[in-house]
N, C-alpha and C. Protein backbone atom coordinates (compact mmCIF):
# COMPACT_ATOMS: atom_id res chain seq x y z
N MET A 1 32.20 20.74 41.42
CA MET A 1 32.07 21.83 42.25
C MET A 1 33.14 22.44 42.72
N ASP A 2 33.38 23.91 42.20
CA ASP A 2 34.55 24.82 42.32
C ASP A 2 34.32 25.33 43.40
N VAL A 3 34.98 24.48 44.67
CA VAL A 3 35.09 25.23 45.90
C VAL A 3 37.02 25.73 45.98
N LEU A 4 36.09 27.02 47.03
CA LEU A 4 37.63 27.38 46.98
C LEU A 4 37.78 27.50 48.55
N ILE A 5 39.42 27.83 48.77
CA ILE A 5 40.00 27.91 50.11
C ILE A 5 40.58 28.95 50.15
N CYS A 6 39.98 30.24 50.53
CA CYS A 6 41.14 31.49 50.92
C CYS A 6 41.64 31.84 51.91
N PHE A 7 42.75 32.55 52.02
CA PHE A 7 43.48 32.85 53.12
C PHE A 7 43.56 34.18 53.17
N CYS A 8 43.49 34.94 54.57
CA CYS A 8 43.64 35.95 54.84
C CYS A 8 44.00 36.45 56.39
N SER A 9 45.45 36.98 56.45
CA SER A 9 45.38 37.52 57.77
C SER A 9 45.07 39.02 57.67
N CYS A 10 44.63 38.78 59.68
CA CYS A 10 43.90 40.14 60.19
C CYS A 10 44.80 40.38 61.11
N PRO A 11 44.72 41.89 61.73
CA PRO A 11 45.64 42.35 62.92
C PRO A 11 45.39 41.76 63.98
N ASP A 12 43.74 41.57 64.38
CA ASP A 12 43.33 40.97 65.50
C ASP A 12 41.87 40.25 65.45
N THR A 13 41.64 39.61 66.61
CA THR A 13 40.46 38.90 66.73
C THR A 13 39.31 39.87 66.53
N THR A 14 39.41 41.20 66.91
CA THR A 14 38.30 42.00 66.77
C THR A 14 38.11 42.08 65.25
N THR A 15 39.04 42.34 64.21
CA THR A 15 38.79 42.70 62.76
C THR A 15 38.85 41.56 62.40
N ALA A 16 39.13 40.16 62.60
CA ALA A 16 38.41 39.19 62.03
C ALA A 16 37.70 38.54 62.14
N GLY A 17 36.75 38.87 63.51
CA GLY A 17 35.35 38.45 63.66
C GLY A 17 34.37 39.47 62.66
N ARG A 18 34.78 40.67 62.47
CA ARG A 18 34.23 41.92 61.73
C ARG A 18 34.05 41.35 60.44
N ILE A 19 35.13 40.90 60.15
CA ILE A 19 35.20 40.56 58.85
C ILE A 19 34.35 39.04 58.39
N ALA A 20 34.91 37.95 59.24
CA ALA A 20 34.02 36.86 59.44
C ALA A 20 32.55 36.99 59.06
N ASP A 21 32.14 37.46 59.72
CA ASP A 21 30.77 37.97 59.86
C ASP A 21 30.34 38.79 58.64
N ALA A 22 30.88 39.55 58.06
CA ALA A 22 30.33 40.35 56.76
C ALA A 22 30.35 39.29 55.59
N LEU A 23 32.04 38.76 55.45
CA LEU A 23 31.42 37.93 54.26
C LEU A 23 30.64 36.80 54.41
N VAL A 24 30.56 36.07 55.82
CA VAL A 24 29.16 34.80 55.65
C VAL A 24 27.80 36.16 55.32
N GLU A 25 27.34 36.89 56.54
CA GLU A 25 26.58 37.39 56.31
C GLU A 25 25.70 37.75 54.86
N GLU A 26 27.28 38.31 53.94
CA GLU A 26 26.98 39.01 52.42
C GLU A 26 26.71 37.41 51.53
N ARG A 27 26.83 36.29 52.01
CA ARG A 27 27.07 35.21 51.42
C ARG A 27 27.89 35.17 50.57
N LEU A 28 29.05 35.45 50.68
CA LEU A 28 30.48 35.76 50.53
C LEU A 28 31.09 34.35 50.40
N ALA A 29 30.87 33.68 51.68
CA ALA A 29 31.68 32.89 51.83
C ALA A 29 30.54 31.89 53.11
N ALA A 30 30.85 30.66 52.79
CA ALA A 30 29.63 29.87 53.33
C ALA A 30 30.38 29.45 55.39
N CYS A 31 31.42 29.83 55.05
CA CYS A 31 31.93 29.40 56.60
C CYS A 31 33.13 30.14 56.78
N VAL A 32 33.60 30.59 57.37
CA VAL A 32 35.19 31.00 57.78
C VAL A 32 35.52 30.86 59.34
N ASN A 33 37.12 30.09 59.25
CA ASN A 33 37.61 29.86 60.38
C ASN A 33 38.13 30.70 60.75
N LEU A 34 38.80 31.20 62.26
CA LEU A 34 39.48 32.38 62.76
C LEU A 34 40.62 31.59 63.53
N LEU A 35 41.97 31.72 62.91
CA LEU A 35 42.78 30.50 63.79
C LEU A 35 43.88 31.73 63.83
N PRO A 36 44.02 32.04 65.61
CA PRO A 36 44.73 33.19 66.36
C PRO A 36 46.24 32.64 66.54
N GLY A 37 46.84 33.22 66.60
CA GLY A 37 48.09 33.16 67.04
C GLY A 37 49.31 32.94 65.89
N LEU A 38 48.74 33.72 64.59
CA LEU A 38 49.98 33.87 63.78
C LEU A 38 51.25 35.03 63.49
N GLN A 39 51.97 34.40 63.16
CA GLN A 39 53.29 35.36 63.15
C GLN A 39 53.46 35.55 61.72
N SER A 40 53.38 36.74 61.25
CA SER A 40 54.00 36.83 59.91
C SER A 40 55.20 37.52 59.94
N VAL A 41 55.90 37.33 58.57
CA VAL A 41 57.13 37.69 58.61
C VAL A 41 57.55 38.27 57.08
N TYR A 42 58.05 39.25 56.73
CA TYR A 42 57.45 39.56 55.33
C TYR A 42 58.32 40.83 54.91
N ARG A 43 58.75 40.94 54.18
CA ARG A 43 59.04 42.93 53.60
C ARG A 43 58.39 43.15 52.71
N TRP A 44 58.00 44.39 53.47
CA TRP A 44 56.95 45.65 52.98
C TRP A 44 57.86 47.07 52.73
N ARG A 45 58.02 47.69 51.46
CA ARG A 45 58.40 48.90 51.54
C ARG A 45 59.72 48.91 51.83
N GLY A 46 60.72 47.94 51.31
CA GLY A 46 62.10 47.51 51.56
C GLY A 46 62.58 47.17 53.03
N LYS A 47 61.51 47.30 54.07
CA LYS A 47 61.96 46.92 55.65
C LYS A 47 61.21 45.52 55.68
N LEU A 48 62.38 44.67 56.69
CA LEU A 48 61.67 43.63 56.96
C LEU A 48 60.85 43.96 58.26
N GLN A 49 59.66 43.42 58.02
CA GLN A 49 58.38 43.54 59.10
C GLN A 49 58.45 41.89 59.73
N ARG A 50 57.89 42.23 61.22
CA ARG A 50 57.13 41.01 61.72
C ARG A 50 55.89 41.48 62.56
N ASP A 51 55.28 40.59 62.31
CA ASP A 51 53.50 41.11 62.72
C ASP A 51 53.31 39.79 63.70
N ALA A 52 53.04 39.87 64.95
CA ALA A 52 52.53 38.84 65.97
C ALA A 52 51.34 38.92 66.38
N ALA A 53 50.89 37.84 66.77
CA ALA A 53 49.32 38.18 67.18
C ALA A 53 48.27 38.68 66.23
N GLU A 54 48.85 37.98 64.98
CA GLU A 54 47.48 37.90 63.89
C GLU A 54 46.40 37.42 63.97
N VAL A 55 45.75 36.71 63.24
CA VAL A 55 44.74 36.11 63.05
C VAL A 55 44.42 35.46 61.53
N LEU A 56 44.42 34.42 61.57
CA LEU A 56 44.35 33.93 60.02
C LEU A 56 42.76 33.26 60.00
N LEU A 57 42.40 33.71 58.46
CA LEU A 57 41.04 33.30 58.05
C LEU A 57 41.11 32.72 57.10
N LEU A 58 40.41 31.13 57.42
CA LEU A 58 40.32 30.42 56.53
C LEU A 58 38.94 30.78 55.55
N ILE A 59 38.38 31.05 54.53
CA ILE A 59 37.57 31.42 53.99
C ILE A 59 37.28 30.60 52.99
N LYS A 60 36.01 29.99 53.15
CA LYS A 60 35.19 28.75 52.32
C LYS A 60 34.34 29.10 51.21
N THR A 61 34.59 29.60 49.64
CA THR A 61 33.59 30.09 49.09
C THR A 61 33.32 29.16 47.84
N THR A 62 33.25 30.28 46.38
CA THR A 62 33.00 29.30 45.16
C THR A 62 34.00 30.04 44.01
N ARG A 63 34.36 29.59 43.56
CA ARG A 63 34.45 30.05 42.46
C ARG A 63 33.95 31.47 41.48
N ALA A 64 32.66 30.83 41.51
CA ALA A 64 31.27 31.93 41.11
C ALA A 64 31.56 33.56 41.77
N ARG A 65 31.61 32.95 43.24
CA ARG A 65 31.71 34.16 44.21
C ARG A 65 32.92 34.74 44.43
N TYR A 66 33.74 34.04 44.18
CA TYR A 66 35.20 34.80 44.48
C TYR A 66 35.74 36.18 44.08
N PRO A 67 35.09 36.58 42.72
CA PRO A 67 35.09 38.22 42.12
C PRO A 67 34.41 39.11 43.26
N ALA A 68 33.54 38.51 43.36
CA ALA A 68 32.74 39.38 44.61
C ALA A 68 33.19 39.50 45.89
N LEU A 69 34.03 38.27 46.48
CA LEU A 69 34.86 38.47 47.81
C LEU A 69 35.92 38.97 47.49
N GLN A 70 36.40 39.01 46.50
CA GLN A 70 37.80 39.57 46.31
C GLN A 70 37.65 41.30 45.63
N ALA A 71 36.51 41.78 45.70
CA ALA A 71 36.01 42.99 45.71
C ALA A 71 35.86 43.67 46.99
N ARG A 72 35.13 42.66 47.96
CA ARG A 72 34.65 43.13 49.00
C ARG A 72 35.72 43.08 50.23
N LEU A 73 36.37 42.56 49.95
CA LEU A 73 37.73 42.32 51.02
C LEU A 73 38.32 43.30 51.26
N PRO A 74 39.14 44.31 50.21
CA PRO A 74 39.51 45.71 50.43
C PRO A 74 38.79 46.49 51.14
N GLN A 75 37.28 46.61 51.14
CA GLN A 75 36.87 47.64 51.82
C GLN A 75 36.79 47.10 53.05
N LEU A 76 36.52 45.69 53.55
CA LEU A 76 36.36 45.23 54.85
C LEU A 76 37.41 45.52 55.87
N HIS A 77 38.83 45.40 55.12
CA HIS A 77 40.09 45.17 55.79
C HIS A 77 40.96 46.54 55.75
N PRO A 78 41.63 46.59 57.30
CA PRO A 78 42.59 47.45 57.69
C PRO A 78 43.67 48.00 57.20
N TYR A 79 44.52 46.81 56.40
CA TYR A 79 45.58 46.60 56.41
C TYR A 79 45.30 47.46 54.43
N GLU A 80 46.80 47.90 53.83
CA GLU A 80 46.89 48.82 52.90
C GLU A 80 47.05 48.12 51.86
N LEU A 81 47.28 46.68 51.89
CA LEU A 81 47.45 45.28 50.66
C LEU A 81 46.75 44.01 51.78
N PRO A 82 45.68 43.82 51.65
CA PRO A 82 45.11 42.78 52.57
C PRO A 82 45.93 41.03 51.45
N GLU A 83 45.90 40.54 52.47
CA GLU A 83 46.27 38.96 51.79
C GLU A 83 44.95 38.67 51.32
N LEU A 84 45.01 38.05 50.26
CA LEU A 84 43.84 37.06 49.93
C LEU A 84 44.68 36.30 48.84
N LEU A 85 44.70 34.90 49.18
CA LEU A 85 45.15 33.65 48.25
C LEU A 85 43.70 32.93 48.25
N ALA A 86 43.82 32.34 47.11
CA ALA A 86 42.86 31.45 47.16
C ALA A 86 43.30 29.87 46.24
N VAL A 87 43.31 29.13 46.85
CA VAL A 87 43.42 27.32 46.21
C VAL A 87 41.94 26.30 46.14
N GLU A 88 42.34 25.86 44.99
CA GLU A 88 41.28 24.99 45.10
C GLU A 88 41.08 23.85 45.78
N SER A 89 39.91 23.23 46.08
CA SER A 89 39.68 22.15 46.83
C SER A 89 39.82 20.81 46.04
N ALA A 90 41.04 20.05 46.10
CA ALA A 90 40.74 19.06 45.46
C ALA A 90 39.53 18.06 45.41
N ALA A 91 38.98 17.85 46.83
CA ALA A 91 37.94 16.89 46.94
C ALA A 91 37.30 17.55 48.40
N GLY A 92 36.27 16.98 48.32
CA GLY A 92 35.76 16.67 49.83
C GLY A 92 34.87 16.53 49.88
N LEU A 93 33.90 16.18 51.36
CA LEU A 93 32.71 15.51 51.31
C LEU A 93 31.95 15.96 50.61
N PRO A 94 31.14 15.52 49.79
CA PRO A 94 30.33 15.87 48.58
C PRO A 94 29.08 16.67 48.97
N ALA A 95 28.62 16.22 50.43
CA ALA A 95 27.43 16.84 51.04
C ALA A 95 27.99 17.95 51.66
N TYR A 96 29.36 18.02 51.97
CA TYR A 96 29.97 19.55 52.57
C TYR A 96 30.24 20.23 51.12
N LEU A 97 30.54 19.94 50.31
CA LEU A 97 30.75 21.04 49.36
C LEU A 97 29.43 21.30 48.55
N GLN A 98 28.59 20.67 48.11
CA GLN A 98 26.85 21.03 48.10
C GLN A 98 26.29 22.19 48.98
N TRP A 99 26.90 21.97 50.25
CA TRP A 99 26.22 23.25 51.14
C TRP A 99 27.18 24.41 50.94
N VAL A 100 28.31 24.31 50.64
CA VAL A 100 29.51 25.83 50.48
C VAL A 100 28.29 26.35 49.52
N VAL A 101 28.39 25.44 48.21
CA VAL A 101 27.47 26.32 47.36
C VAL A 101 26.04 27.02 47.57
N GLU A 102 25.18 25.93 48.50
CA GLU A 102 24.01 26.47 48.57
C GLU A 102 24.22 27.82 49.75
N SER A 103 24.91 27.49 50.23
CA SER A 103 25.44 28.80 51.39
C SER A 103 25.90 30.23 50.78
N THR A 104 26.36 30.21 49.46
CA THR A 104 26.88 31.41 49.16
C THR A 104 26.22 31.50 47.62
N ARG A 105 25.43 30.72 47.37
CA ARG A 105 23.98 31.44 46.51
C ARG A 105 23.65 32.76 46.74
N PRO A 106 23.91 33.62 46.02
CA PRO A 106 23.33 35.04 46.03
C PRO A 106 21.72 35.30 46.70
N VAL A 107 21.04 35.46 47.51
CA VAL A 107 19.34 35.64 47.92
C VAL A 107 18.81 36.30 46.68
N GLU A 108 18.30 36.03 45.65
CA GLU A 108 17.10 36.76 44.63
C GLU A 108 15.82 37.21 45.40
């Protein structure tokens, strides 16, 4: 099973919750964890930036649903360039992995 864990930082809990709800409701994610307290340090347009109090989303999806997630996230996210990184899960509880697959399967 090709389960992915995707990372996305959000500016606040309201935005993070709205995005998480939409992704689960649209079956683009089986589960989204919201981890508050993130601080990002990065270079943007030649200047050092420091964003405090962001919220990190851990998005569980499948390889099959990733293209739709990748297309939808920029529509939901307020950042000019939202973070979206996906990593493959090497292993997991088989029943949980199956649940991710079933929870992200489009409704016909």
